[in-house]
Amino acid sequence: RTLIHPLFPAPDALEEDPVFVHITSLERSDEFKTILSKSIADGKNFEIMAVSFISTRSIARGDSATEGVLTTKLPSKYYCKAVGGGIPYVVCAVIADEDRQTKLGSYTPTGNDFMYHRIDILAPESRCRIRNKTATTDHSTVKFSPDAFRDPKYYISNEEDINIVQLYTQYMNDITGHIPSDLFKESVRAAVVATAITEEIWKNASQYDSRQFITAYFIGTDNGVFRIFPGQQLGNSYDHATRPWYKRVKGNVNKHTLSIPYNDDFENDYVITLSHTIVESSISDQATSDEIRAVVGIDFTVEYFHLLVTDGYPQCVENQYSCFVMDSSGYLVIHNDFIEANGDINIENLHITEIEPDIARDLISKGVLIKSQCVNFQTIKQQNYYIAERRSDIDNLADSDSCKRYQLSYISGTNVYLGIINKDDCPETRETKCICESQCRDTENTECECPCLSDAVYDYCNDEFHYTSDSHPACTPKIRDLNIITQAESDVSHLSQCFETHCSEKQNAVECNAAVNCVWCMDGSPRCEDSVYHCKPPHVSSGLSTGIKTGIAISVLAAIGIIIVVIVFIVVRHHREANVLDYIDKYTDNEYDVPSAPPKPSDATPAEEDTLNYELAEDYILPDTHDSDYVYHNHEHDSD
């Protein structure tokens, strides 16, 4: 029975008693079953080192609860050993051949590279507001995730005060090299200095007119550094590497990746994130998620995206047509109905099967939307989701069914499709809804059905799953629901807008609501005003009009303000077999209690180092690196 595994939620994230899954449901290769048999036969004397075979890893495609997983097969080495000391457990470390640690070169601080995000404690010289939140355009601000610290528990458990903030600031801005710190991991300060170049780029970009539609520019590294502009405070628990947009980019290496709309927790306004991975320059386009080192991105209003697309395709605002942008999971980034609903619907996680059932049914029949499944071992459910993989255009405008006349085009270099529907002769009273219930009904996967859950194959008598192949991969753990954003402040009316939006000059609701800090007022004569002073902004959903040609994608991305940033990092690759051996020896064959979770291998002297050039390119930064996988399983499982 497995206690700890990367496909399990963290122990402190469990909401119910855990389901103890047999290790062979997670590690399904025949080679691992041989290892398991040997562990049972050898008992406390069991030990294997550097056994090589192909392992399968699951990678979240975005939101783990709705978008499923990608799987990748990697040549890997397994190191396993009985804990010993009368403790009936085996600990394993799994390291793919491509796994590596990243070290940045020596970057000398300039003395002005760092401002901590706690501007409520150490205030900047000038302040402004982004919506109902205090910010500053003097500097970008930096937030550390727990992973940046040598002792993550120290960061999570200690309440920050002026002394701690000053301690961080003095170390990060030290130009003498004489201020030591035992708080941060190696290369964290180098990442702070290396990403500081983006601040000037963002400040220059904010001089253009598009700045009034952008709520944030950001960059995050794989060692826990997150930089955002305009500088602002984030919640203490915010960790960019756990967010859905981050997970989504991991499955879209080297692509401009659009998120679906989500609520930014301020004024109930929706935003869209556009992001791009940063990988090692020596790696091909087939880079795995473990080779992603950072992400860079921007957040902008949904209404702004609507304006960009309708500028390129004016017919999308005509009554005859309806346009949409759909991501590679079938979720709608934007749709005309979002705008026309004027806030009457929640536009988060809306799937094309729910909004455009006729089109969805045709896309399923044409093999554009393919239903897939992964298994959630903790809920004993099978998650059913869609993957869109077809890259060729579809022209269905001449279909005999007047409700299935549409065009769809994949936008090269992105994770989205643009579609336009001719609804001229489609009766409004037609009811052809897809099945949209939380529990799946279509067991044959032939009907149009919204993403849903079905029962997993589980042997309750023997407490076992019986998945022996990769046809039903394991779902990735659900992201912990943390308080990641600070609360909007009650009164920021005394602060000026960070970027002047000239609300009173906006001529209609869409143009008005597209601008940050503006709202279309309906009391009295319709008008656009600064939301902080006058009418309260409505809960506006958004819509997108889209056309068919790939060219619009390039103009949309350019208009959003894509920034090309190249920063050369020095990456030191470590083949860490020596580290693994140290790790295995440290936590086995001892007389002490088994640790609740295995710590990561120490940063011991590397067995081999290769200097690589590491480019930070294209717009944004996103990270997430699995240094290794850890597995606990009980080798006496039969008796349990």
Foldseek 3Di string as FASTA:
>chain_A
DFQDWQQADDPVQDPDPFQDAAVCQAWQDPVVVVLLVQCLVCFQADWDWFDWDKTKDWFAQFFLQAQFTDIDIFIKGKTKHAFDQPDQWMKIWIFGPPFWDWAFDDDAAPLPLADALPCVAVPDPAWFDFFLFIFALVAWHKAFALLFFPGSCCLVVDDDHNVVNVLVSCVLRPRVPPNDDNTGDHRPSVVSRLCSVVSVVVSVLCVDLLVQFWRWKWKAWARGMIIIPRRHHKDSNAGQCLHRVQSNQQVQAQFFEKDAWDQPQHLLFTKIKTKHFFFFPVDDSPDHQQRTTMMIITIGGQLVQQVLFCVVPVCCPPPQKKKFKAFQQQQTNFIAVLQVVFQPDDRPRHGCLAVQVLQLLVCVVVVQWAWAWAAANRVQKIWITTGGDDADKDQQQPPPQLSHGKIWHDQPRYRMIIMMHGNPPPDPPDDDHFAEDQEDDPPPRNTRYRTHIYGAQADPVLSHHDDNDPRHHHRHDRRRDDRTGDHRDPAPPVRHHNRDNPFQPDDDQSSQSSGGQWAFDDPDDTGIDRCRPDDRHHSRGHHHHHDHDNVSVVVSVVSSPKDWDWGKTKTWTAPASVQVVVQSVVSRPDNDDHDSDRDDGDPPDGPDIDIGITIDTIRIIHHHHDSIIMIMDRSVVVVD
